[in-house]
C-alpha atoms as a PDB file:
ATOM      1  CA  UNK A   1       5.683   7.991   1.576  1.00  0.00           C
ATOM      2  CA  UNK A   2       5.629  11.647   0.515  1.00  0.00           C
ATOM      3  CA  UNK A   3       5.536  14.201   3.306  1.00  0.00           C
ATOM      4  CA  UNK A   4       3.408  17.114   2.087  1.00  0.00           C
ATOM      5  CA  UNK A   5       1.142  19.926   3.238  1.00  0.00           C
ATOM      6  CA  UNK A   6      -2.465  19.059   2.234  1.00  0.00           C
ATOM      7  CA  UNK A   7      -3.501  22.711   2.651  1.00  0.00           C
ATOM      8  CA  UNK A   8      -1.108  23.997  -0.014  1.00  0.00           C
ATOM      9  CA  UNK A   9      -3.488  23.886  -2.974  1.00  0.00           C
ATOM     10  CA  UNK A  10      -1.445  25.812  -5.542  1.00  0.00           C
ATOM     11  CA  UNK A  11       1.708  23.818  -4.879  1.00  0.00           C
ATOM     12  CA  UNK A  12      -0.147  20.498  -5.120  1.00  0.00           C
ATOM     13  CA  UNK A  13      -2.009  21.454  -8.309  1.00  0.00           C
ATOM     14  CA  UNK A  14       1.203  22.187 -10.204  1.00  0.00           C
ATOM     15  CA  UNK A  15       3.277  19.398  -8.625  1.00  0.00           C
ATOM     16  CA  UNK A  16       4.372  16.449 -10.787  1.00  0.00           C
ATOM     17  CA  UNK A  17       5.862  13.711  -8.643  1.00  0.00           C
ATOM     18  CA  UNK A  18       6.566  10.101  -9.550  1.00  0.00           C
ATOM     19  CA  UNK A  19       3.095   8.937  -8.543  1.00  0.00           C
ATOM     20  CA  UNK A  20       1.308  11.570 -10.624  1.00  0.00           C
ATOM     21  CA  UNK A  21      -1.010   9.733 -12.980  1.00  0.00           C
ATOM     22  CA  UNK A  22      -0.303  12.108 -15.868  1.00  0.00           C
ATOM     23  CA  UNK A  23       3.360  11.072 -15.844  1.00  0.00           C
ATOM     24  CA  UNK A  24       2.304   7.412 -15.798  1.00  0.00           C
ATOM     25  CA  UNK A  25      -0.374   7.668 -18.498  1.00  0.00           C
ATOM     26  CA  UNK A  26       0.933  10.340 -20.882  1.00  0.00           C
ATOM     27  CA  UNK A  27       1.638   7.842 -23.702  1.00  0.00           C
ATOM     28  CA  UNK A  28      -1.798   6.268 -23.385  1.00  0.00           C
ATOM     29  CA  UNK A  29      -3.383   9.739 -23.336  1.00  0.00           C
ATOM     30  CA  UNK A  30      -1.719  10.576 -26.663  1.00  0.00           C
ATOM     31  CA  UNK A  31      -2.857   7.285 -28.199  1.00  0.00           C
ATOM     32  CA  UNK A  32      -6.419   7.802 -27.034  1.00  0.00           C
ATOM     33  CA  UNK A  33      -6.413  11.391 -28.311  1.00  0.00           C
ATOM     34  CA  UNK A  34      -5.276  10.294 -31.784  1.00  0.00           C
ATOM     35  CA  UNK A  35      -7.766   7.434 -31.910  1.00  0.00           C
ATOM     36  CA  UNK A  36     -10.614   9.711 -30.792  1.00  0.00           C
ATOM     37  CA  UNK A  37      -9.722  12.211 -33.512  1.00  0.00           C
ATOM     38  CA  UNK A  38      -9.897   9.433 -36.099  1.00  0.00           C
ATOM     39  CA  UNK A  39     -13.318   8.349 -34.813  1.00  0.00           C
ATOM     40  CA  UNK A  40     -14.541  11.954 -34.913  1.00  0.00           C
ATOM     41  CA  UNK A  41     -13.159  12.453 -38.427  1.00  0.00           C
ATOM     42  CA  UNK A  42     -14.733   9.227 -39.697  1.00  0.00           C
ATOM     43  CA  UNK A  43     -18.108  10.067 -38.148  1.00  0.00           C
ATOM     44  CA  UNK A  44     -18.189  13.687 -39.363  1.00  0.00           C
ATOM     45  CA  UNK A  45     -17.083  12.685 -42.868  1.00  0.00           C
ATOM     46  CA  UNK A  46     -19.313   9.684 -43.515  1.00  0.00           C
ATOM     47  CA  UNK A  47     -22.205  10.001 -41.049  1.00  0.00           C
ATOM     48  CA  UNK A  48     -22.711  13.751 -40.537  1.00  0.00           C
ATOM     49  CA  UNK A  49     -26.489  13.508 -40.076  1.00  0.00           C
ATOM     50  CA  UNK A  50     -26.905  10.206 -38.272  1.00  0.00           C
ATOM     51  CA  UNK A  51     -29.920  10.631 -35.987  1.00  0.00           C
ATOM     52  CA  UNK A  52     -29.008   7.733 -33.738  1.00  0.00           C
ATOM     53  CA  UNK A  53     -25.796   9.489 -32.651  1.00  0.00           C
ATOM     54  CA  UNK A  54     -27.787  12.351 -31.139  1.00  0.00           C
ATOM     55  CA  UNK A  55     -29.490   9.925 -28.749  1.00  0.00           C
ATOM     56  CA  UNK A  56     -26.320   8.200 -27.596  1.00  0.00           C
ATOM     57  CA  UNK A  57     -25.439  10.901 -25.065  1.00  0.00           C
ATOM     58  CA  UNK A  58     -28.288   9.813 -22.745  1.00  0.00           C
ATOM     59  CA  UNK A  59     -27.116   6.203 -22.866  1.00  0.00           C
ATOM     60  CA  UNK A  60     -23.517   7.152 -22.163  1.00  0.00           C
ATOM     61  CA  UNK A  61     -24.595   9.323 -19.248  1.00  0.00           C
ATOM     62  CA  UNK A  62     -26.271   6.297 -17.669  1.00  0.00           C
ATOM     63  CA  UNK A  63     -23.292   4.037 -18.372  1.00  0.00           C
ATOM     64  CA  UNK A  64     -20.950   6.669 -16.950  1.00  0.00           C
ATOM     65  CA  UNK A  65     -22.952   6.710 -13.714  1.00  0.00           C
ATOM     66  CA  UNK A  66     -22.647   2.921 -13.377  1.00  0.00           C
ATOM     67  CA  UNK A  67     -18.935   3.096 -14.139  1.00  0.00           C
ATOM     68  CA  UNK A  68     -18.409   5.778 -11.503  1.00  0.00           C
ATOM     69  CA  UNK A  69     -20.033   3.540  -8.879  1.00  0.00           C
ATOM     70  CA  UNK A  70     -17.688   0.702  -9.806  1.00  0.00           C
ATOM     71  CA  UNK A  71     -14.654   2.974  -9.532  1.00  0.00           C
ATOM     72  CA  UNK A  72     -15.809   4.348  -6.171  1.00  0.00           C
ATOM     73  CA  UNK A  73     -16.089   0.796  -4.837  1.00  0.00           C
ATOM     74  CA  UNK A  74     -12.675  -0.056  -6.344  1.00  0.00           C
ATOM     75  CA  UNK A  75     -10.986   2.976  -4.777  1.00  0.00           C
ATOM     76  CA  UNK A  76     -12.629   2.450  -1.372  1.00  0.00           C
ATOM     77  CA  UNK A  77     -11.544  -1.198  -1.339  1.00  0.00           C
ATOM     78  CA  UNK A  78      -7.948  -0.235  -2.146  1.00  0.00           C
ATOM     79  CA  UNK A  79      -7.901   2.487   0.519  1.00  0.00           C
ATOM     80  CA  UNK A  80      -9.273   0.074   3.127  1.00  0.00           C
ATOM     81  CA  UNK A  81      -6.296  -2.204   2.437  1.00  0.00           C
ATOM     82  CA  UNK A  82      -3.908   0.763   2.761  1.00  0.00           C
ATOM     83  CA  UNK A  83      -5.505   1.930   6.009  1.00  0.00           C
ATOM     84  CA  UNK A  84      -5.594  -1.559   7.518  1.00  0.00           C
ATOM     85  CA  UNK A  85      -1.898  -1.920   6.760  1.00  0.00           C
ATOM     86  CA  UNK A  86      -1.255   1.389   8.517  1.00  0.00           C
ATOM     87  CA  UNK A  87      -3.235   0.258  11.554  1.00  0.00           C
ATOM     88  CA  UNK A  88      -1.261  -2.986  11.745  1.00  0.00           C
ATOM     89  CA  UNK A  89       2.036  -1.115  11.646  1.00  0.00           C
ATOM     90  CA  UNK A  90       0.688   1.188  14.330  1.00  0.00           C
ATOM     91  CA  UNK A  91       0.035  -1.910  16.423  1.00  0.00           C
ATOM     92  CA  UNK A  92       3.606  -3.098  15.816  1.00  0.00           C
ATOM     93  CA  UNK A  93       4.904   0.263  17.062  1.00  0.00           C
ATOM     94  CA  UNK A  94       2.701   0.114  20.160  1.00  0.00           C
ATOM     95  CA  UNK A  95       3.515  -3.516  20.982  1.00  0.00           C
ATOM     96  CA  UNK A  96       7.266  -2.959  20.700  1.00  0.00           C
ATOM     97  CA  UNK A  97       6.939   0.057  23.001  1.00  0.00           C
ATOM     98  CA  UNK A  98       4.894  -1.914  25.509  1.00  0.00           C
ATOM     99  CA  UNK A  99       7.389  -4.764  25.453  1.00  0.00           C
ATOM    100  CA  UNK A 100      10.296  -2.360  25.898  1.00  0.00           C
ATOM    101  CA  UNK A 101       8.695  -0.672  28.916  1.00  0.00           C
ATOM    102  CA  UNK A 102       7.729  -3.960  30.579  1.00  0.00           C
ATOM    103  CA  UNK A 103      11.119  -5.585  29.925  1.00  0.00           C
ATOM    104  CA  UNK A 104      12.927  -2.505  31.218  1.00  0.00           C
ATOM    105  CA  UNK A 105      10.927  -2.662  34.448  1.00  0.00           C
ATOM    106  CA  UNK A 106      11.154  -6.454  34.891  1.00  0.00           C
ATOM    107  CA  UNK A 107      14.735  -7.236  33.863  1.00  0.00           C
ATOM    108  CA  UNK A 108      17.693  -6.166  35.938  1.00  0.00           C
ATOM    109  CA  UNK A 109      20.697  -7.417  33.960  1.00  0.00           C
ATOM    110  CA  UNK A 110      22.044  -5.260  31.122  1.00  0.00           C
ATOM    111  CA  UNK A 111      22.816  -8.274  28.966  1.00  0.00           C
ATOM    112  CA  UNK A 112      19.178  -9.378  28.957  1.00  0.00           C
ATOM    113  CA  UNK A 113      17.971  -5.862  28.191  1.00  0.00           C
ATOM    114  CA  UNK A 114      20.512  -5.519  25.381  1.00  0.00           C
ATOM    115  CA  UNK A 115      19.170  -8.692  23.740  1.00  0.00           C
ATOM    116  CA  UNK A 116      15.638  -7.283  23.449  1.00  0.00           C
ATOM    117  CA  UNK A 117      16.933  -3.787  22.634  1.00  0.00           C
ATOM    118  CA  UNK A 118      18.355  -5.319  19.446  1.00  0.00           C
ATOM    119  CA  UNK A 119      15.718  -7.932  18.703  1.00  0.00           C
ATOM    120  CA  UNK A 120      12.627  -5.722  18.817  1.00  0.00           C
ATOM    121  CA  UNK A 121      13.969  -3.311  16.156  1.00  0.00           C
ATOM    122  CA  UNK A 122      15.286  -6.342  14.248  1.00  0.00           C
ATOM    123  CA  UNK A 123      11.719  -7.620  14.039  1.00  0.00           C
ATOM    124  CA  UNK A 124      10.504  -4.292  12.627  1.00  0.00           C
ATOM    125  CA  UNK A 125      13.286  -3.994  10.032  1.00  0.00           C
ATOM    126  CA  UNK A 126      12.942  -7.640   9.013  1.00  0.00           C
ATOM    127  CA  UNK A 127       9.150  -7.290   8.721  1.00  0.00           C
ATOM    128  CA  UNK A 128       9.212  -4.249   6.448  1.00  0.00           C
ATOM    129  CA  UNK A 129      11.642  -5.921   4.035  1.00  0.00           C
ATOM    130  CA  UNK A 130       9.862  -9.278   4.312  1.00  0.00           C
ATOM    131  CA  UNK A 131       6.767  -7.526   2.939  1.00  0.00           C
ATOM    132  CA  UNK A 132       8.827  -6.243   0.012  1.00  0.00           C
ATOM    133  CA  UNK A 133      11.431  -8.393  -1.736  1.00  0.00           C
ATOM    134  CA  UNK A 134      13.477  -9.918   1.070  1.00  0.00           C
ATOM    135  CA  UNK A 135      15.264  -9.097   4.299  1.00  0.00           C
ATOM    136  CA  UNK A 136      18.252  -6.751   4.262  1.00  0.00           C
ATOM    137  CA  UNK A 137      20.511  -8.278   6.932  1.00  0.00           C
ATOM    138  CA  UNK A 138      22.707  -5.175   6.994  1.00  0.00           C
ATOM    139  CA  UNK A 139      19.875  -3.390   8.819  1.00  0.00           C
ATOM    140  CA  UNK A 140      19.759  -6.007  11.571  1.00  0.00           C
ATOM    141  CA  UNK A 141      21.864  -6.035  14.722  1.00  0.00           C
ATOM    142  CA  UNK A 142      22.810  -9.698  15.160  1.00  0.00           C
ATOM    143  CA  UNK A 143      25.628 -11.676  16.701  1.00  0.00           C
ATOM    144  CA  UNK A 144      27.321 -14.311  14.533  1.00  0.00           C
ATOM    145  CA  UNK A 145      25.377 -17.068  16.292  1.00  0.00           C
ATOM    146  CA  UNK A 146      22.074 -15.240  15.795  1.00  0.00           C
ATOM    147  CA  UNK A 147      22.922 -14.506  12.167  1.00  0.00           C
ATOM    148  CA  UNK A 148      23.626 -18.186  11.505  1.00  0.00           C
ATOM    149  CA  UNK A 149      20.204 -19.059  12.931  1.00  0.00           C
ATOM    150  CA  UNK A 150      18.169 -16.657  10.786  1.00  0.00           C
ATOM    151  CA  UNK A 151      20.137 -16.620   7.523  1.00  0.00           C
ATOM    152  CA  UNK A 152      18.632 -19.903   6.354  1.00  0.00           C
ATOM    153  CA  UNK A 153      15.068 -19.020   7.357  1.00  0.00           C
ATOM    154  CA  UNK A 154      12.491 -18.052   4.749  1.00  0.00           C
ATOM    155  CA  UNK A 155      10.437 -16.128   7.317  1.00  0.00           C
ATOM    156  CA  UNK A 156      13.002 -14.033   9.195  1.00  0.00           C
ATOM    157  CA  UNK A 157      10.495 -12.034  11.340  1.00  0.00           C
ATOM    158  CA  UNK A 158       9.073 -15.328  12.605  1.00  0.00           C
ATOM    159  CA  UNK A 159      12.576 -16.605  13.383  1.00  0.00           C
ATOM    160  CA  UNK A 160      13.318 -13.445  15.366  1.00  0.00           C
ATOM    161  CA  UNK A 161      10.092 -13.881  17.360  1.00  0.00           C
ATOM    162  CA  UNK A 162      11.085 -17.475  18.049  1.00  0.00           C
ATOM    163  CA  UNK A 163      14.444 -16.314  19.415  1.00  0.00           C
ATOM    164  CA  UNK A 164      12.691 -13.830  21.708  1.00  0.00           C
ATOM    165  CA  UNK A 165      10.356 -16.578  22.954  1.00  0.00           C
ATOM    166  CA  UNK A 166      13.312 -18.861  23.660  1.00  0.00           C
ATOM    167  CA  UNK A 167      14.980 -16.043  25.592  1.00  0.00           C
ATOM    168  CA  UNK A 168      11.836 -15.435  27.672  1.00  0.00           C
ATOM    169  CA  UNK A 169      11.591 -19.132  28.515  1.00  0.00           C
ATOM    170  CA  UNK A 170      15.259 -19.153  29.568  1.00  0.00           C
ATOM    171  CA  UNK A 171      14.636 -16.123  31.782  1.00  0.00           C
ATOM    172  CA  UNK A 172      11.639 -17.833  33.347  1.00  0.00           C
ATOM    173  CA  UNK A 173      13.601 -21.025  34.012  1.00  0.00           C
ATOM    174  CA  UNK A 174      16.366 -18.935  35.568  1.00  0.00           C
ATOM    175  CA  UNK A 175      13.760 -17.312  37.829  1.00  0.00           C
ATOM    176  CA  UNK A 176      14.534 -13.876  36.391  1.00  0.00           C
ATOM    177  CA  UNK A 177      10.871 -13.432  35.482  1.00  0.00           C
ATOM    178  CA  UNK A 178       7.798 -14.948  37.090  1.00  0.00           C
ATOM    179  CA  UNK A 179       5.058 -16.952  35.416  1.00  0.00           C
ATOM    180  CA  UNK A 180       2.729 -13.951  35.603  1.00  0.00           C
ATOM    181  CA  UNK A 181       5.322 -11.670  34.029  1.00  0.00           C
ATOM    182  CA  UNK A 182       5.909 -14.221  31.279  1.00  0.00           C
ATOM    183  CA  UNK A 183       2.191 -14.244  30.441  1.00  0.00           C
ATOM    184  CA  UNK A 184       2.108 -10.447  30.317  1.00  0.00           C
ATOM    185  CA  UNK A 185       5.045 -10.353  27.896  1.00  0.00           C
ATOM    186  CA  UNK A 186       3.632 -13.244  25.893  1.00  0.00           C
ATOM    187  CA  UNK A 187       0.527 -11.203  25.032  1.00  0.00           C
ATOM    188  CA  UNK A 188       2.517  -8.447  23.315  1.00  0.00           C
ATOM    189  CA  UNK A 189       4.839 -10.894  21.597  1.00  0.00           C
ATOM    190  CA  UNK A 190       1.860 -12.787  20.201  1.00  0.00           C
ATOM    191  CA  UNK A 191       0.471  -9.498  18.932  1.00  0.00           C
ATOM    192  CA  UNK A 192       3.633  -8.940  16.860  1.00  0.00           C
ATOM    193  CA  UNK A 193       3.193 -12.212  14.997  1.00  0.00           C
ATOM    194  CA  UNK A 194      -0.513 -11.458  14.514  1.00  0.00           C
ATOM    195  CA  UNK A 195       0.308  -8.072  12.984  1.00  0.00           C
ATOM    196  CA  UNK A 196       2.839  -9.414  10.492  1.00  0.00           C
ATOM    197  CA  UNK A 197       0.363 -12.159   9.585  1.00  0.00           C
ATOM    198  CA  UNK A 198      -2.330  -9.555   8.868  1.00  0.00           C
ATOM    199  CA  UNK A 199       0.110  -7.590   6.700  1.00  0.00           C
ATOM    200  CA  UNK A 200       0.919 -10.753   4.746  1.00  0.00           C
ATOM    201  CA  UNK A 201      -2.791 -11.320   4.211  1.00  0.00           C
ATOM    202  CA  UNK A 202      -3.141  -7.827   2.725  1.00  0.00           C
ATOM    203  CA  UNK A 203      -0.105  -8.273   0.474  1.00  0.00           C
ATOM    204  CA  UNK A 204      -0.887 -11.797  -0.733  1.00  0.00           C
ATOM    205  CA  UNK A 205      -4.605 -11.315  -1.377  1.00  0.00           C
ATOM    206  CA  UNK A 206      -5.005  -8.891  -4.290  1.00  0.00           C
ATOM    207  CA  UNK A 207      -8.340  -7.889  -5.767  1.00  0.00           C
ATOM    208  CA  UNK A 208      -9.870 -10.799  -7.769  1.00  0.00           C
ATOM    209  CA  UNK A 209      -8.491 -10.792 -11.308  1.00  0.00           C
ATOM    210  CA  UNK A 210     -11.952 -11.094 -12.906  1.00  0.00           C
ATOM    211  CA  UNK A 211     -13.075  -7.882 -11.190  1.00  0.00           C
ATOM    212  CA  UNK A 212      -9.934  -6.002 -12.219  1.00  0.00           C
ATOM    213  CA  UNK A 213     -10.193  -7.187 -15.832  1.00  0.00           C
ATOM    214  CA  UNK A 214     -13.867  -6.231 -16.030  1.00  0.00           C
ATOM    215  CA  UNK A 215     -13.196  -2.657 -14.879  1.00  0.00           C
ATOM    216  CA  UNK A 216     -10.309  -2.216 -17.335  1.00  0.00           C
ATOM    217  CA  UNK A 217     -12.337  -3.568 -20.259  1.00  0.00           C
ATOM    218  CA  UNK A 218     -15.364  -1.492 -19.247  1.00  0.00           C
ATOM    219  CA  UNK A 219     -13.293   1.719 -19.153  1.00  0.00           C
ATOM    220  CA  UNK A 220     -11.589   0.898 -22.465  1.00  0.00           C
ATOM    221  CA  UNK A 221     -14.799   0.213 -24.383  1.00  0.00           C
ATOM    222  CA  UNK A 222     -16.555   3.217 -22.817  1.00  0.00           C
ATOM    223  CA  UNK A 223     -13.782   5.670 -23.724  1.00  0.00           C
ATOM    224  CA  UNK A 224     -13.131   4.228 -27.174  1.00  0.00           C
ATOM    225  CA  UNK A 225     -16.745   4.745 -28.229  1.00  0.00           C
ATOM    226  CA  UNK A 226     -17.350   7.963 -26.271  1.00  0.00           C
ATOM    227  CA  UNK A 227     -16.641  10.322 -29.232  1.00  0.00           C
ATOM    228  CA  UNK A 228     -19.685   8.883 -30.994  1.00  0.00           C
ATOM    229  CA  UNK A 229     -21.912  10.336 -28.271  1.00  0.00           C
ATOM    230  CA  UNK A 230     -20.438  13.859 -28.448  1.00  0.00           C
ATOM    231  CA  UNK A 231     -19.382  14.268 -32.064  1.00  0.00           C
ATOM    232  CA  UNK A 232     -22.766  15.633 -33.225  1.00  0.00           C
ATOM    233  CA  UNK A 233     -22.759  18.448 -30.649  1.00  0.00           C
ATOM    234  CA  UNK A 234     -19.047  19.153 -30.257  1.00  0.00           C
ATOM    235  CA  UNK A 235     -17.467  17.976 -33.495  1.00  0.00           C
ATOM    236  CA  UNK A 236     -13.736  17.421 -33.217  1.00  0.00           C
ATOM    237  CA  UNK A 237     -13.808  18.648 -29.614  1.00  0.00           C
ATOM    238  CA  UNK A 238     -15.380  15.289 -28.781  1.00  0.00           C
ATOM    239  CA  UNK A 239     -11.864  13.805 -29.045  1.00  0.00           C
ATOM    240  CA  UNK A 240     -10.683  16.209 -26.360  1.00  0.00           C
ATOM    241  CA  UNK A 241     -13.623  15.273 -24.122  1.00  0.00           C
ATOM    242  CA  UNK A 242     -12.992  11.545 -24.601  1.00  0.00           C
ATOM    243  CA  UNK A 243      -9.292  11.973 -23.800  1.00  0.00           C
ATOM    244  CA  UNK A 244     -10.036  13.892 -20.605  1.00  0.00           C
ATOM    245  CA  UNK A 245     -12.612  11.308 -19.496  1.00  0.00           C
ATOM    246  CA  UNK A 246     -10.061   8.567 -20.176  1.00  0.00           C
ATOM    247  CA  UNK A 247      -7.491  10.376 -18.012  1.00  0.00           C
ATOM    248  CA  UNK A 248      -9.931  10.746 -15.108  1.00  0.00           C
ATOM    249  CA  UNK A 249     -11.281   7.190 -15.165  1.00  0.00           C
ATOM    250  CA  UNK A 250      -7.982   5.409 -15.704  1.00  0.00           C
ATOM    251  CA  UNK A 251      -6.278   7.596 -13.084  1.00  0.00           C
ATOM    252  CA  UNK A 252      -8.735   6.311 -10.488  1.00  0.00           C
ATOM    253  CA  UNK A 253      -7.876   2.725 -11.419  1.00  0.00           C
ATOM    254  CA  UNK A 254      -4.123   3.445 -11.378  1.00  0.00           C
ATOM    255  CA  UNK A 255      -4.355   5.093  -7.955  1.00  0.00           C
ATOM    256  CA  UNK A 256      -6.310   2.123  -6.600  1.00  0.00           C
ATOM    257  CA  UNK A 257      -3.669  -0.294  -7.919  1.00  0.00           C
ATOM    258  CA  UNK A 258      -0.920   1.788  -6.324  1.00  0.00           C
ATOM    259  CA  UNK A 259      -2.340   1.895  -2.800  1.00  0.00           C
ATOM    260  CA  UNK A 260      -3.811  -1.617  -2.598  1.00  0.00           C
ATOM    261  CA  UNK A 261      -0.292  -2.978  -1.872  1.00  0.00           C
ATOM    262  CA  UNK A 262       0.900  -0.452   0.748  1.00  0.00           C
ATOM    263  CA  UNK A 263       4.193  -2.086   1.750  1.00  0.00           C
ATOM    264  CA  UNK A 264       6.428  -1.229  -1.215  1.00  0.00           C
ATOM    265  CA  UNK A 265       8.692   1.713  -2.017  1.00  0.00           C
ATOM    266  CA  UNK A 266       6.228   3.864  -3.960  1.00  0.00           C
ATOM    267  CA  UNK A 267       5.565   7.427  -2.837  1.00  0.00           C
ATOM    268  CA  UNK A 268       2.030   6.525  -1.764  1.00  0.00           C
ATOM    269  CA  UNK A 269       3.070   3.455   0.233  1.00  0.00           C
ATOM    270  CA  UNK A 270       3.292   3.330   4.003  1.00  0.00           C
ATOM    271  CA  UNK A 271       6.372   4.897   5.671  1.00  0.00           C
ATOM    272  CA  UNK A 272       7.562   1.568   7.093  1.00  0.00           C
ATOM    273  CA  UNK A 273      11.215   2.682   6.944  1.00  0.00           C
ATOM    274  CA  UNK A 274      10.423   5.662   9.161  1.00  0.00           C
ATOM    275  CA  UNK A 275       8.314   3.554  11.526  1.00  0.00           C
ATOM    276  CA  UNK A 276      11.099   0.986  11.870  1.00  0.00           C
ATOM    277  CA  UNK A 277      13.612   3.703  12.704  1.00  0.00           C
ATOM    278  CA  UNK A 278      11.177   5.108  15.257  1.00  0.00           C
ATOM    279  CA  UNK A 279      10.840   1.670  16.864  1.00  0.00           C
ATOM    280  CA  UNK A 280      14.624   1.383  17.090  1.00  0.00           C
ATOM    281  CA  UNK A 281      14.937   4.806  18.734  1.00  0.00           C
ATOM    282  CA  UNK A 282      12.170   4.026  21.219  1.00  0.00           C
ATOM    283  CA  UNK A 283      13.619   0.648  22.197  1.00  0.00           C
ATOM    284  CA  UNK A 284      17.130   2.037  22.645  1.00  0.00           C
ATOM    285  CA  UNK A 285      15.812   4.914  24.747  1.00  0.00           C
ATOM    286  CA  UNK A 286      13.794   2.666  27.054  1.00  0.00           C
ATOM    287  CA  UNK A 287      16.092  -0.350  27.338  1.00  0.00           C
ATOM    288  CA  UNK A 288      19.290   1.611  27.781  1.00  0.00           C
END
């Protein structure tokens, strides 16, 4: 995620980062500009006095209003997914902190504290990569025995939670924690699995394909025929108008596609690497 100053208008206006839609769409913008010029040329050359073209601008204004409503709904839906993902990672941060504080107060032996000091950050690091392409075991702090247990698992965060549950049960059987303390810790540990499950729901449930296809086709047809509505009044400048409208409308769709899956490595995605490092620092500080 890009760290920036939202109040620096001039710097943001002239900034071109990887997620800038102009850098993504510049080829399509050129194609649309050339095609719009051809439409304008054909219309001006062969239908210079077509009366019906003068009335198209009212129709396209109405269609543009409907299209803008669709794009607003599309963008809001994508942002809700992004924000829900951020809330779930905020819950992971809070639950790991709560567990660290409670375990530090309850446990007395350094060996037991060291186990959770490693496992809680392991869960965070495994979760962030699980939501991407796969777990990077070099980020995890595991003994050989622990590594052998999780290496064959498809869901490494779940395996790490299972190991923490087994450890809590062993501590309870050894009378190192009471039944009441176990139930208190169980609540936060359950919350971790709930949070990763919610993140998986966001990642694995994209917007319905029929809705996405409809918006793309709607934008394409609208922009391709837009010069017809402006060519009578603006001539060849109608190609410039159509190209700019294409850039605005398609940029909204591209931005929505970028933020609807917030767990990747794009500049607009959630800072899960930073959050995982923060969890590790917090756990080490408390459980040391």
